[in-house]
Protein backbone atom coordinates (compact mmCIF):
# COMPACT_ATOMS: atom_id res chain seq x y z
CA MET A 1 64.41 47.70 59.89
CA GLN A 2 64.28 51.50 60.04
CA LEU A 3 66.27 53.09 62.84
CA ASN A 4 64.29 54.55 65.74
CA LEU A 5 66.19 57.62 66.98
CA ASN A 6 64.72 57.12 70.44
CA ASP A 7 66.76 53.92 70.63
CA VAL A 8 69.90 55.94 69.87
CA LEU A 9 68.99 58.51 72.52
CA ASN A 10 68.42 55.80 75.12
CA TYR A 11 71.70 54.09 74.26
CA VAL A 12 73.64 57.34 74.60
CA GLU A 13 71.96 58.25 77.90
CA GLU A 14 72.79 54.82 79.31
CA ASN A 15 76.39 54.68 78.06
CA ILE A 16 77.83 58.20 77.68
CA GLY A 17 78.45 58.25 81.43
CA SER A 18 81.27 55.73 80.95
CA PHE A 19 83.12 58.24 78.77
CA HIS A 20 82.85 60.99 81.39
CA SER A 21 83.76 58.56 84.19
CA SER A 22 86.85 57.47 82.26
CA ARG A 23 87.91 61.10 81.83
CA LEU A 24 87.64 61.74 85.57
CA ALA A 25 89.30 58.48 86.59
CA SER A 26 92.19 59.17 84.24
CA LEU A 27 92.61 62.69 85.60
CA ASP A 28 92.63 61.51 89.21
CA SER A 29 95.32 58.89 88.53
CA LEU A 30 97.76 61.11 86.61
CA LYS A 31 101.33 61.67 87.79
CA LEU A 32 103.36 64.66 86.58
CA ASP A 33 106.59 62.69 86.17
CA LYS A 34 104.91 60.02 84.02
CA ILE A 35 103.38 62.58 81.65
CA LEU A 36 106.63 64.53 81.43
CA LYS A 37 108.45 61.35 80.46
CA ARG A 38 106.16 60.84 77.46
CA LYS A 39 106.23 64.36 76.00
CA ASN A 40 108.78 66.25 73.90
CA PRO A 41 110.48 68.89 76.11
CA TYR A 42 112.09 70.61 73.12
CA LEU A 43 108.63 71.44 71.75
CA TYR A 44 107.68 73.32 74.89
CA LYS A 45 110.94 75.29 74.84
CA ALA A 46 110.31 76.19 71.18
CA LYS A 47 106.87 77.52 72.17
CA ASN A 48 108.62 79.98 74.53
CA ILE A 49 106.71 78.83 77.60
CA LEU A 50 107.83 80.97 80.53
CA THR A 51 105.63 80.07 83.51
CA ALA A 52 105.20 76.85 85.44
CA GLN A 53 101.41 76.91 85.05
CA ASP A 54 101.60 77.39 81.27
CA PHE A 55 104.03 74.49 81.01
CA VAL A 56 101.84 72.21 83.11
CA LYS A 57 98.67 73.23 81.27
CA ASN A 58 100.24 72.57 77.84
CA LEU A 59 101.54 69.22 79.07
CA LEU A 60 98.23 68.15 80.58
CA ASP A 61 96.08 69.34 77.67
CA ALA A 62 98.20 67.44 75.13
CA HIS A 63 97.94 64.26 77.19
CA LEU A 64 94.19 64.57 77.74
CA ALA A 65 93.42 65.36 74.09
CA SER A 66 95.13 62.17 72.94
CA GLN A 67 93.52 60.05 75.64
CA GLU A 68 90.01 61.46 75.17
CA GLU A 69 90.17 60.74 71.45
CA THR A 70 90.89 57.09 72.24
CA VAL A 71 88.21 56.74 74.94
CA PHE A 72 85.52 58.52 72.94
CA GLY A 73 86.47 56.53 69.86
CA GLY A 74 85.64 53.39 71.82
CA PHE A 75 82.26 54.84 72.76
CA LEU A 76 81.45 55.71 69.13
CA GLU A 77 82.46 52.20 68.06
CA GLY A 78 79.93 50.79 70.52
CA LEU A 79 77.26 53.20 69.26
CA ALA A 80 77.90 52.19 65.64
CA ILE A 81 77.60 48.49 66.49
CA PHE A 82 74.38 49.15 68.42
CA ILE A 83 72.85 51.06 65.49
CA CYS A 84 73.83 48.40 62.96
CA GLU A 85 72.41 45.71 65.24
CA LYS A 86 69.05 47.52 65.28
CA VAL A 87 68.90 48.03 61.50
CA TYR A 88 70.73 45.08 59.94
CA ALA A 89 71.05 42.63 62.86
CA GLY A 90 74.75 43.45 62.96
CA ARG A 91 76.94 41.92 65.63
CA LYS A 92 80.28 42.56 67.25
CA SER A 93 82.75 40.34 65.46
CA SER A 94 84.73 37.62 67.22
CA ALA A 95 87.41 37.80 64.51
CA GLU A 96 90.69 39.40 65.55
CA GLY A 97 90.97 43.00 64.32
CA ILE A 98 87.34 43.13 63.13
CA ASP A 99 84.75 45.12 65.07
CA LEU A 100 81.48 44.49 63.25
CA GLU A 101 79.86 41.94 60.95
CA PHE A 102 76.50 42.23 59.19
CA GLU A 103 74.66 41.19 56.05
CA LYS A 104 73.00 43.55 53.59
CA ASP A 105 71.78 42.87 50.05
CA LYS A 106 73.20 39.32 50.08
CA THR A 107 76.64 40.63 50.98
CA LEU A 108 78.49 39.92 54.22
CA TYR A 109 80.41 42.95 55.49
CA VAL A 110 83.35 42.84 57.89
CA VAL A 111 84.07 46.24 59.38
CA SER A 112 87.01 47.75 61.26
CA ILE A 113 85.81 50.93 62.99
CA LYS A 114 88.17 53.83 63.65
CA SER A 115 87.54 57.24 65.15
CA GLY A 116 88.78 59.37 62.24
CA PRO A 117 90.33 59.04 58.77
CA ASN A 118 93.99 59.59 59.75
CA TRP A 119 94.09 56.86 62.36
CA GLY A 120 97.18 54.81 61.60
CA ASN A 121 100.63 54.45 60.09
CA SER A 122 101.57 52.02 57.32
CA GLN A 123 102.20 49.14 59.74
CA GLN A 124 98.83 49.59 61.45
CA ILE A 125 97.06 49.71 58.09
CA LYS A 126 98.92 46.55 57.04
CA ARG A 127 97.69 44.80 60.20
CA MET A 128 94.13 45.83 59.38
CA ARG A 129 94.50 44.48 55.84
CA ASP A 130 95.86 41.21 57.23
CA ALA A 131 92.89 41.00 59.61
CA PHE A 132 90.48 41.57 56.71
CA ASN A 133 92.13 38.84 54.62
CA LYS A 134 92.13 36.36 57.51
CA ALA A 135 88.46 37.07 58.30
CA LYS A 136 87.53 36.61 54.64
CA ARG A 137 89.30 33.24 54.48
CA ILE A 138 87.54 31.98 57.59
CA LEU A 139 84.11 33.31 56.62
CA ASN A 140 84.41 32.02 53.05
CA THR A 141 84.41 28.46 54.36
CA ASN A 142 81.08 29.06 56.09
CA ALA A 143 79.41 31.34 53.56
CA LYS A 144 80.62 30.23 50.15
CA SER A 145 77.58 31.57 48.34
CA LYS A 146 77.94 35.09 49.75
CA SER A 147 80.15 37.95 48.69
CA ILE A 148 82.36 39.18 51.54
CA VAL A 149 83.41 42.83 51.55
CA ALA A 150 85.81 44.55 53.97
CA ILE A 151 85.14 48.08 55.19
CA ASN A 152 87.29 50.52 57.16
CA GLY A 153 84.64 52.75 58.74
CA CYS A 154 85.61 56.10 60.26
CA CYS A 155 83.22 57.98 62.54
CA TYR A 156 84.16 61.40 61.17
CA GLY A 157 85.78 62.84 58.05
CA SER A 158 84.66 62.89 54.44
CA GLU A 159 87.00 60.45 52.67
CA SER A 160 85.32 57.55 50.89
CA VAL A 161 87.48 55.50 48.57
CA ASN A 162 87.97 52.03 47.11
CA LYS A 163 91.34 50.79 48.38
CA GLY A 164 91.25 47.67 46.22
CA ASP A 165 91.02 44.99 48.89
CA TYR A 166 88.72 47.08 51.10
CA PHE A 167 86.57 50.20 51.07
CA LYS A 168 87.09 53.20 53.33
CA PHE A 169 83.91 55.03 54.39
CA CYS A 170 84.14 58.15 56.56
CA GLY A 171 81.64 60.44 58.26
CA GLN A 172 78.25 60.66 56.56
CA LYS A 173 79.01 57.73 54.25
CA PHE A 174 79.91 55.44 57.17
CA TRP A 175 76.88 56.27 59.33
CA GLU A 176 74.57 55.87 56.32
CA PHE A 177 76.25 52.56 55.45
CA ILE A 178 75.48 51.00 58.87
CA SER A 179 72.00 52.54 59.26
CA GLY A 180 70.49 53.26 55.84
CA ASP A 181 69.91 56.88 56.97
CA ASN A 182 71.92 59.56 55.15
CA ASN A 183 71.17 62.15 57.87
CA LEU A 184 72.23 60.04 60.85
CA TYR A 185 75.65 61.69 61.08
CA ILE A 186 73.84 64.94 61.94
CA GLN A 187 71.06 63.42 64.02
CA ILE A 188 73.44 61.82 66.55
CA ILE A 189 74.99 65.18 67.51
CA GLU A 190 72.26 66.28 69.94
CA PRO A 191 72.02 63.01 71.91
CA LEU A 192 75.81 63.03 72.43
CA GLY A 193 75.43 66.23 74.45
CA HIS A 194 73.39 64.42 77.14
CA LYS A 195 74.36 65.99 80.50
CA ALA A 196 77.53 67.34 78.85
CA LYS A 197 77.40 70.68 80.71
CA GLU A 198 76.94 69.03 84.09
CA LYS A 199 79.65 66.44 83.48
CA ASN A 200 82.09 68.98 82.07
CA GLU A 201 81.68 71.24 85.11
CA GLU A 202 82.57 68.29 87.33
CA PHE A 203 85.57 67.57 85.12
CA GLN A 204 86.74 71.20 85.22
CA HIS A 205 86.81 71.18 89.03
CA SER A 206 89.05 68.10 89.01
CA TYR A 207 91.12 69.56 86.16
CA ALA A 208 91.80 72.75 88.16
CA LYS A 209 92.94 70.71 91.16
CA VAL A 210 95.39 68.76 89.01
CA ILE A 211 96.74 71.94 87.39
CA ASN A 212 97.36 73.48 90.83
CA LYS A 213 98.91 70.30 92.22
CA PHE A 214 101.20 69.74 89.22
CA THR A 215 102.20 73.41 89.13
CA GLY A 216 103.35 73.16 92.75
CA GLU A 217 105.33 70.00 92.00
CA PHE A 218 106.83 71.55 88.88
CA LEU A 219 107.90 74.73 90.73
CA ASN A 220 109.56 72.64 93.41
CA THR A 221 111.38 70.33 91.01
CA PHE A 222 112.04 72.13 87.73
CA CYS A 223 112.33 75.84 88.58
CA GLU A 224 115.25 77.88 89.93
CA ASN A 225 114.78 81.42 91.24
CA GLY A 226 111.42 81.70 89.48
CA ARG A 227 112.70 80.48 86.11
CA ILE A 228 112.03 77.18 84.38
CA ASN A 229 115.15 75.00 84.47
CA TRP A 230 115.05 73.55 80.96
CA GLU A 231 118.27 71.61 81.44
CA ALA A 232 116.72 69.77 84.41
CA ILE A 233 113.60 68.99 82.37
CA VAL A 234 115.56 67.60 79.42
CA LYS A 235 117.80 65.54 81.70
CA PHE A 236 114.77 64.07 83.47
CA ASN A 237 113.09 63.28 80.15
CA SER A 238 116.04 62.07 78.09
CA ALA A 239 119.18 61.32 80.12
CA SER A 240 120.32 57.68 80.23
CA THR A 241 120.04 57.71 84.02
CA PRO A 242 117.84 60.70 84.91
CA THR A 243 118.24 62.00 88.45
CA VAL A 244 116.17 64.95 89.52
CA LYS A 245 116.04 65.88 93.17
CA LYS A 246 113.23 67.93 94.62
CA LYS A 247 114.31 71.04 96.45
CA SER A 248 113.92 70.77 100.17
CA LYS A 249 111.25 72.97 101.68
CA LYS A 250 112.49 75.52 104.15
């Protein structure tokens, strides 16, 4: 079946709100000490950060960038499954480590969907390979007459390569593979911007509040006489038994 772009638009309009809601919910639940524990304090010293607000902004932006990539990757995975369902009667797989299954040209495809091409280390890639092999063994018992092919699909990027036991399709190649439309990777851009300006303005208001709140906490805990106390930061982040006391307010 040929893909109807109105179906894609409707899906995005109905589901993109979950991405924006997740961004806001994450922002509202953040704690400065928890983020500071997870980041490399030496990096920020090497960047010659001198003000509390710059430190907090760098810290928060790094955290949010990583988290947003994960959350939005989940949204794109859902979009890809929806599109494949419309075109090839694809379905979300029940097999561990596999996101999508569908049949095309008498071949059964098992697909692991990732956000981008550089998504994992050697151990994570090994786990994906193991998941592919396990899924093939199980499916072979039920579909002996069909060829079963494993695909690592990436929502952006340009790499497309035969890895031997699986194929890696990125960007245009991946979206065409699940839809039959070689322009889909471009056509989905506009729908993804649904209410983006409105939602981003709401996010920016919450973001500014967190920056101001964290800056106040940082000044009170990790600054002395207007200077960042790097020793206190490193001790809090890396000491065996970190103890940082907030300065009492006069």
